[in-house]
Amino acid sequence: MNKSKRSSRRRLPPIRSGDILDYKNINLLRRFISEQGKILSRRMNRLTSKQQRLMTIAIKRARVLALLPFLNNEN
């Protein structure tokens, strides 16, 4: 009974239909980066493979353009 209740609950998708996966959308990209500045895995993000690839490319572009830090070493 507990297992069926758990499986029927759907989580909201992390990326809505209106959100654009772009390197300029910093607020969206920050949700997929850990406290240390690492890109979170696909399982933790609950993204599809295609979305994860696009997210990774966008984060890397934002880092090169200094919109996001490579490392976050603040204590």
N, C-alpha and C. Protein backbone atom coordinates (compact mmCIF):
# COMPACT_ATOMS: atom_id res chain seq x y z
N MET A 1 0.82 -1.19 0.00
CA MET A 1 0.00 0.00 0.00
C MET A 1 0.86 1.26 0.00
N ASN A 2 1.90 1.28 0.80
CA ASN A 2 2.77 2.44 0.86
C ASN A 2 3.53 2.64 -0.45
N LYS A 3 3.92 1.54 -1.09
CA LYS A 3 4.66 1.64 -2.34
C LYS A 3 3.81 2.21 -3.46
N SER A 4 2.55 1.79 -3.54
CA SER A 4 1.68 2.32 -4.59
C SER A 4 1.39 3.80 -4.37
N LYS A 5 1.28 4.21 -3.13
CA LYS A 5 1.04 5.62 -2.85
C LYS A 5 2.25 6.46 -3.27
N ARG A 6 3.43 5.94 -3.04
CA ARG A 6 4.64 6.66 -3.38
C ARG A 6 4.82 6.77 -4.89
N SER A 7 4.48 5.74 -5.65
CA SER A 7 4.68 5.76 -7.08
C SER A 7 3.65 6.64 -7.79
N SER A 8 2.49 6.85 -7.19
CA SER A 8 1.47 7.66 -7.83
C SER A 8 1.77 9.16 -7.72
N ARG A 9 2.63 9.53 -6.80
CA ARG A 9 2.97 10.94 -6.63
C ARG A 9 3.93 11.37 -7.72
N ARG A 10 3.57 12.41 -8.47
CA ARG A 10 4.43 12.90 -9.55
C ARG A 10 5.15 14.15 -9.10
N ARG A 11 6.39 14.23 -9.44
CA ARG A 11 7.15 15.43 -9.12
C ARG A 11 7.03 16.42 -10.27
N LEU A 12 7.16 17.67 -9.94
CA LEU A 12 7.13 18.69 -10.98
C LEU A 12 8.42 18.65 -11.78
N PRO A 13 8.36 18.86 -13.07
CA PRO A 13 9.59 18.88 -13.85
C PRO A 13 10.44 20.10 -13.47
N PRO A 14 11.75 19.94 -13.43
CA PRO A 14 12.61 21.06 -13.02
C PRO A 14 12.65 22.19 -14.05
N ILE A 15 12.38 21.86 -15.31
CA ILE A 15 12.37 22.88 -16.36
C ILE A 15 10.95 22.97 -16.90
N ARG A 16 10.37 24.13 -16.79
CA ARG A 16 9.01 24.32 -17.30
C ARG A 16 9.06 24.54 -18.81
N SER A 17 7.91 24.49 -19.44
CA SER A 17 7.86 24.63 -20.90
C SER A 17 8.27 26.04 -21.33
N GLY A 18 8.06 27.03 -20.48
CA GLY A 18 8.40 28.40 -20.84
C GLY A 18 9.87 28.75 -20.61
N ASP A 19 10.58 27.94 -19.83
CA ASP A 19 11.98 28.22 -19.54
C ASP A 19 12.85 27.91 -20.75
N ILE A 20 13.80 28.78 -20.99
CA ILE A 20 14.72 28.60 -22.12
C ILE A 20 16.07 28.19 -21.58
N LEU A 21 16.62 27.09 -22.10
CA LEU A 21 17.95 26.64 -21.70
C LEU A 21 18.98 27.49 -22.45
N ASP A 22 19.46 28.51 -21.78
CA ASP A 22 20.39 29.43 -22.41
C ASP A 22 21.45 29.83 -21.41
N TYR A 23 22.64 30.14 -21.87
CA TYR A 23 23.73 30.51 -20.97
C TYR A 23 23.46 31.84 -20.28
N LYS A 24 22.55 32.65 -20.81
CA LYS A 24 22.25 33.94 -20.20
C LYS A 24 21.23 33.85 -19.07
N ASN A 25 20.55 32.72 -18.95
CA ASN A 25 19.55 32.52 -17.91
C ASN A 25 20.23 31.98 -16.65
N ILE A 26 20.89 32.86 -15.92
CA ILE A 26 21.73 32.48 -14.79
C ILE A 26 20.90 31.91 -13.64
N ASN A 27 19.72 32.47 -13.39
CA ASN A 27 18.89 31.99 -12.29
C ASN A 27 18.49 30.53 -12.49
N LEU A 28 18.22 30.15 -13.72
CA LEU A 28 17.89 28.75 -14.02
C LEU A 28 19.11 27.86 -13.88
N LEU A 29 20.26 28.32 -14.36
CA LEU A 29 21.48 27.50 -14.32
C LEU A 29 21.96 27.26 -12.90
N ARG A 30 21.77 28.21 -12.00
CA ARG A 30 22.22 28.06 -10.62
C ARG A 30 21.51 26.93 -9.89
N ARG A 31 20.30 26.58 -10.33
CA ARG A 31 19.57 25.49 -9.69
C ARG A 31 20.20 24.13 -9.97
N PHE A 32 21.04 24.03 -11.00
CA PHE A 32 21.62 22.76 -11.40
C PHE A 32 23.11 22.67 -11.07
N ILE A 33 23.58 23.56 -10.19
CA ILE A 33 24.98 23.58 -9.76
C ILE A 33 25.01 23.38 -8.26
N SER A 34 25.98 22.59 -7.77
CA SER A 34 26.09 22.33 -6.33
C SER A 34 26.70 23.55 -5.63
N GLU A 35 26.82 23.43 -4.32
CA GLU A 35 27.41 24.51 -3.52
C GLU A 35 28.86 24.77 -3.90
N GLN A 36 29.58 23.72 -4.30
CA GLN A 36 30.98 23.87 -4.69
C GLN A 36 31.14 24.35 -6.12
N GLY A 37 30.05 24.44 -6.87
CA GLY A 37 30.13 24.89 -8.26
C GLY A 37 30.15 23.76 -9.26
N LYS A 38 29.92 22.53 -8.82
CA LYS A 38 29.91 21.39 -9.73
C LYS A 38 28.54 21.22 -10.37
N ILE A 39 28.53 20.71 -11.59
CA ILE A 39 27.28 20.42 -12.28
C ILE A 39 26.69 19.15 -11.66
N LEU A 40 25.43 19.22 -11.24
CA LEU A 40 24.79 18.06 -10.62
C LEU A 40 24.46 17.01 -11.67
N SER A 41 24.37 15.76 -11.21
CA SER A 41 24.11 14.65 -12.13
C SER A 41 22.67 14.68 -12.62
N ARG A 42 22.44 13.93 -13.65
CA ARG A 42 21.13 13.88 -14.27
C ARG A 42 20.07 13.31 -13.33
N ARG A 43 20.45 12.34 -12.53
CA ARG A 43 19.50 11.74 -11.58
C ARG A 43 19.07 12.74 -10.50
N MET A 44 20.01 13.55 -10.06
CA MET A 44 19.68 14.54 -9.03
C MET A 44 18.84 15.68 -9.62
N ASN A 45 19.11 16.02 -10.88
CA ASN A 45 18.38 17.11 -11.53
C ASN A 45 17.01 16.69 -12.03
N ARG A 46 16.80 15.38 -12.23
CA ARG A 46 15.58 14.84 -12.83
C ARG A 46 15.35 15.41 -14.23
N LEU A 47 16.42 15.46 -15.02
CA LEU A 47 16.33 15.94 -16.39
C LEU A 47 16.42 14.76 -17.35
N THR A 48 15.97 14.98 -18.57
CA THR A 48 16.19 13.97 -19.61
C THR A 48 17.63 14.10 -20.09
N SER A 49 18.09 13.11 -20.86
CA SER A 49 19.48 13.17 -21.34
C SER A 49 19.72 14.38 -22.23
N LYS A 50 18.76 14.67 -23.07
CA LYS A 50 18.92 15.82 -23.97
C LYS A 50 18.96 17.12 -23.17
N GLN A 51 18.09 17.25 -22.18
CA GLN A 51 18.09 18.45 -21.35
C GLN A 51 19.39 18.58 -20.57
N GLN A 52 19.93 17.45 -20.08
CA GLN A 52 21.18 17.48 -19.33
C GLN A 52 22.33 17.92 -20.21
N ARG A 53 22.36 17.44 -21.44
CA ARG A 53 23.43 17.86 -22.37
C ARG A 53 23.35 19.35 -22.65
N LEU A 54 22.14 19.84 -22.92
CA LEU A 54 21.97 21.27 -23.18
C LEU A 54 22.31 22.11 -21.95
N MET A 55 21.95 21.61 -20.77
CA MET A 55 22.25 22.32 -19.53
C MET A 55 23.75 22.39 -19.30
N THR A 56 24.45 21.28 -19.54
CA THR A 56 25.90 21.25 -19.35
C THR A 56 26.59 22.23 -20.28
N ILE A 57 26.17 22.27 -21.54
CA ILE A 57 26.77 23.20 -22.51
C ILE A 57 26.51 24.64 -22.08
N ALA A 58 25.29 24.93 -21.63
CA ALA A 58 24.96 26.29 -21.21
C ALA A 58 25.77 26.71 -19.99
N ILE A 59 25.95 25.79 -19.03
CA ILE A 59 26.73 26.11 -17.83
C ILE A 59 28.19 26.36 -18.20
N LYS A 60 28.74 25.55 -19.07
CA LYS A 60 30.14 25.73 -19.48
C LYS A 60 30.33 27.04 -20.23
N ARG A 61 29.39 27.42 -21.08
CA ARG A 61 29.48 28.70 -21.78
C ARG A 61 29.41 29.86 -20.79
N ALA A 62 28.52 29.76 -19.82
CA ALA A 62 28.38 30.83 -18.82
C ALA A 62 29.65 30.96 -17.98
N ARG A 63 30.31 29.83 -17.71
CA ARG A 63 31.57 29.89 -16.95
C ARG A 63 32.67 30.58 -17.76
N VAL A 64 32.76 30.27 -19.03
CA VAL A 64 33.80 30.88 -19.87
C VAL A 64 33.60 32.38 -19.98
N LEU A 65 32.33 32.80 -20.03
CA LEU A 65 32.03 34.23 -20.12
C LEU A 65 31.99 34.92 -18.77
N ALA A 66 32.38 34.22 -17.71
CA ALA A 66 32.45 34.74 -16.34
C ALA A 66 31.08 35.13 -15.79
N LEU A 67 30.02 34.50 -16.26
CA LEU A 67 28.70 34.72 -15.68
C LEU A 67 28.48 33.80 -14.48
N LEU A 68 29.17 32.65 -14.48
CA LEU A 68 29.14 31.70 -13.36
C LEU A 68 30.58 31.40 -12.96
N PRO A 69 30.83 31.14 -11.67
CA PRO A 69 32.19 30.79 -11.26
C PRO A 69 32.53 29.35 -11.59
N PHE A 70 33.80 29.07 -11.84
CA PHE A 70 34.24 27.68 -12.03
C PHE A 70 34.22 26.94 -10.70
N LEU A 71 34.70 27.61 -9.65
CA LEU A 71 34.72 27.03 -8.30
C LEU A 71 34.11 28.03 -7.33
N ASN A 72 33.50 27.49 -6.30
CA ASN A 72 32.96 28.34 -5.24
C ASN A 72 33.63 27.91 -3.94
N ASN A 73 34.71 28.57 -3.57
CA ASN A 73 35.49 28.19 -2.39
C ASN A 73 35.21 29.08 -1.18
N GLU A 74 34.04 29.72 -1.15
CA GLU A 74 33.73 30.57 -0.01
C GLU A 74 33.46 29.72 1.21
N ASN A 75 33.99 30.14 2.35
CA ASN A 75 33.78 29.39 3.61
C ASN A 75 32.73 30.03 4.46
